[in-house]
Amino acid sequence: MLRDYALAGSGSGFIYGYVDANYKKNMSFEEAKAFCINTVSLAMRRDGSSGGVIRLSNVTERGLEKEYHNYDSLPYKSS
């Protein structure tokens, strides 16, 4: 089956179901950003090799915009 996305990395096996259930075409920028943060945060919760921060990059006509999300700000951090 052809998909509009690809998953890779040590935490990807933990998030296929989440992505299958929550990905949708034509998300707004804010929806896509929240989707990415939630998805990577879920992978990090289960996978000890997935690091402790999320770095997002958005390429626009103005250039590269970068965001940094530390572990304490993530929605699915381990308690």
C-alpha atoms as a PDB file:
ATOM      1  CA  MET A   1       0.000   0.000   0.000  1.00  0.00           C
ATOM      2  CA  LEU A   2       1.361   3.419  -0.988  1.00  0.00           C
ATOM      3  CA  ARG A   3       1.363   6.015   1.810  1.00  0.00           C
ATOM      4  CA  ASP A   4       1.965   9.767   1.994  1.00  0.00           C
ATOM      5  CA  TYR A   5       4.498   9.377   4.810  1.00  0.00           C
ATOM      6  CA  ALA A   6       7.453   7.275   5.861  1.00  0.00           C
ATOM      7  CA  LEU A   7       8.594   6.222   9.327  1.00  0.00           C
ATOM      8  CA  ALA A   8      12.139   5.267  10.237  1.00  0.00           C
ATOM      9  CA  GLY A   9      14.386   5.061  13.253  1.00  0.00           C
ATOM     10  CA  SER A  10      14.561   3.052  16.426  1.00  0.00           C
ATOM     11  CA  GLY A  11      11.256   4.390  17.786  1.00  0.00           C
ATOM     12  CA  SER A  12       9.240   4.033  14.591  1.00  0.00           C
ATOM     13  CA  GLY A  13       7.971   0.558  15.417  1.00  0.00           C
ATOM     14  CA  PHE A  14       6.167   1.963  18.440  1.00  0.00           C
ATOM     15  CA  ILE A  15       4.160   4.579  16.533  1.00  0.00           C
ATOM     16  CA  TYR A  16       2.813   2.982  13.348  1.00  0.00           C
ATOM     17  CA  GLY A  17      -0.671   2.552  14.825  1.00  0.00           C
ATOM     18  CA  TYR A  18      -0.764   6.140  16.073  1.00  0.00           C
ATOM     19  CA  VAL A  19       0.324   7.487  12.696  1.00  0.00           C
ATOM     20  CA  ASP A  20      -2.123   5.266  10.791  1.00  0.00           C
ATOM     21  CA  ALA A  21      -4.976   6.490  13.002  1.00  0.00           C
ATOM     22  CA  ASN A  22      -4.068  10.189  13.188  1.00  0.00           C
ATOM     23  CA  TYR A  23      -2.349  11.226   9.965  1.00  0.00           C
ATOM     24  CA  LYS A  24      -4.535  13.167   7.559  1.00  0.00           C
ATOM     25  CA  LYS A  25      -3.791  14.897   4.281  1.00  0.00           C
ATOM     26  CA  ASN A  26      -3.790  18.675   4.017  1.00  0.00           C
ATOM     27  CA  MET A  27      -3.230  19.419   7.706  1.00  0.00           C
ATOM     28  CA  SER A  28      -2.679  23.045   8.589  1.00  0.00           C
ATOM     29  CA  PHE A  29       0.818  23.974   9.709  1.00  0.00           C
ATOM     30  CA  GLU A  30      -0.258  23.989  13.364  1.00  0.00           C
ATOM     31  CA  GLU A  31      -2.014  20.609  13.024  1.00  0.00           C
ATOM     32  CA  ALA A  32       1.046  19.099  11.340  1.00  0.00           C
ATOM     33  CA  LYS A  33       3.365  20.520  14.000  1.00  0.00           C
ATOM     34  CA  ALA A  34       1.225  19.102  16.833  1.00  0.00           C
ATOM     35  CA  PHE A  35       1.022  15.766  15.000  1.00  0.00           C
ATOM     36  CA  CYS A  36       4.824  15.601  14.705  1.00  0.00           C
ATOM     37  CA  ILE A  37       5.423  16.553  18.338  1.00  0.00           C
ATOM     38  CA  ASN A  38       2.867  14.000  19.581  1.00  0.00           C
ATOM     39  CA  THR A  39       4.229  11.272  17.317  1.00  0.00           C
ATOM     40  CA  VAL A  40       7.889  11.712  18.236  1.00  0.00           C
ATOM     41  CA  SER A  41       7.001  12.144  21.913  1.00  0.00           C
ATOM     42  CA  LEU A  42       5.167   8.790  21.873  1.00  0.00           C
ATOM     43  CA  ALA A  43       8.157   7.103  20.236  1.00  0.00           C
ATOM     44  CA  MET A  44      10.513   8.606  22.808  1.00  0.00           C
ATOM     45  CA  ARG A  45       8.345   7.348  25.666  1.00  0.00           C
ATOM     46  CA  ARG A  46       8.792   3.730  24.547  1.00  0.00           C
ATOM     47  CA  ASP A  47      12.246   3.747  23.001  1.00  0.00           C
ATOM     48  CA  GLY A  48      15.282   4.336  25.177  1.00  0.00           C
ATOM     49  CA  SER A  49      17.393   5.325  22.167  1.00  0.00           C
ATOM     50  CA  SER A  50      15.163   8.126  20.854  1.00  0.00           C
ATOM     51  CA  GLY A  51      16.791  11.017  22.685  1.00  0.00           C
ATOM     52  CA  GLY A  52      15.349  13.645  24.965  1.00  0.00           C
ATOM     53  CA  VAL A  53      14.400  16.610  22.773  1.00  0.00           C
ATOM     54  CA  ILE A  54      12.495  17.337  19.581  1.00  0.00           C
ATOM     55  CA  ARG A  55      13.939  19.662  16.978  1.00  0.00           C
ATOM     56  CA  LEU A  56      11.526  20.811  14.287  1.00  0.00           C
ATOM     57  CA  SER A  57      12.461  22.611  11.087  1.00  0.00           C
ATOM     58  CA  ASN A  58      10.095  24.379   8.722  1.00  0.00           C
ATOM     59  CA  VAL A  59      11.301  25.503   5.312  1.00  0.00           C
ATOM     60  CA  THR A  60       9.467  28.602   4.080  1.00  0.00           C
ATOM     61  CA  GLU A  61       9.992  31.302   1.482  1.00  0.00           C
ATOM     62  CA  ARG A  62      11.645  33.313   4.292  1.00  0.00           C
ATOM     63  CA  GLY A  63      14.163  30.556   4.964  1.00  0.00           C
ATOM     64  CA  LEU A  64      14.597  27.898   7.618  1.00  0.00           C
ATOM     65  CA  GLU A  65      12.644  28.235  10.863  1.00  0.00           C
ATOM     66  CA  LYS A  66      13.794  26.038  13.742  1.00  0.00           C
ATOM     67  CA  GLU A  67      12.085  25.059  16.991  1.00  0.00           C
ATOM     68  CA  TYR A  68      13.443  23.231  20.002  1.00  0.00           C
ATOM     69  CA  HIS A  69      11.158  21.347  22.393  1.00  0.00           C
ATOM     70  CA  ASN A  70      12.811  20.114  25.568  1.00  0.00           C
ATOM     71  CA  TYR A  71      11.770  16.932  27.311  1.00  0.00           C
ATOM     72  CA  ASP A  72       9.775  18.664  30.055  1.00  0.00           C
ATOM     73  CA  SER A  73       7.501  20.327  27.482  1.00  0.00           C
ATOM     74  CA  LEU A  74       6.549  17.077  25.682  1.00  0.00           C
ATOM     75  CA  PRO A  75       3.021  15.703  25.964  1.00  0.00           C
ATOM     76  CA  TYR A  76       3.961  12.041  26.509  1.00  0.00           C
ATOM     77  CA  LYS A  77       7.074  12.203  28.661  1.00  0.00           C
ATOM     78  CA  SER A  78       7.708   9.328  31.073  1.00  0.00           C
ATOM     79  CA  SER A  79       6.691  10.063  34.629  1.00  0.00           C
END
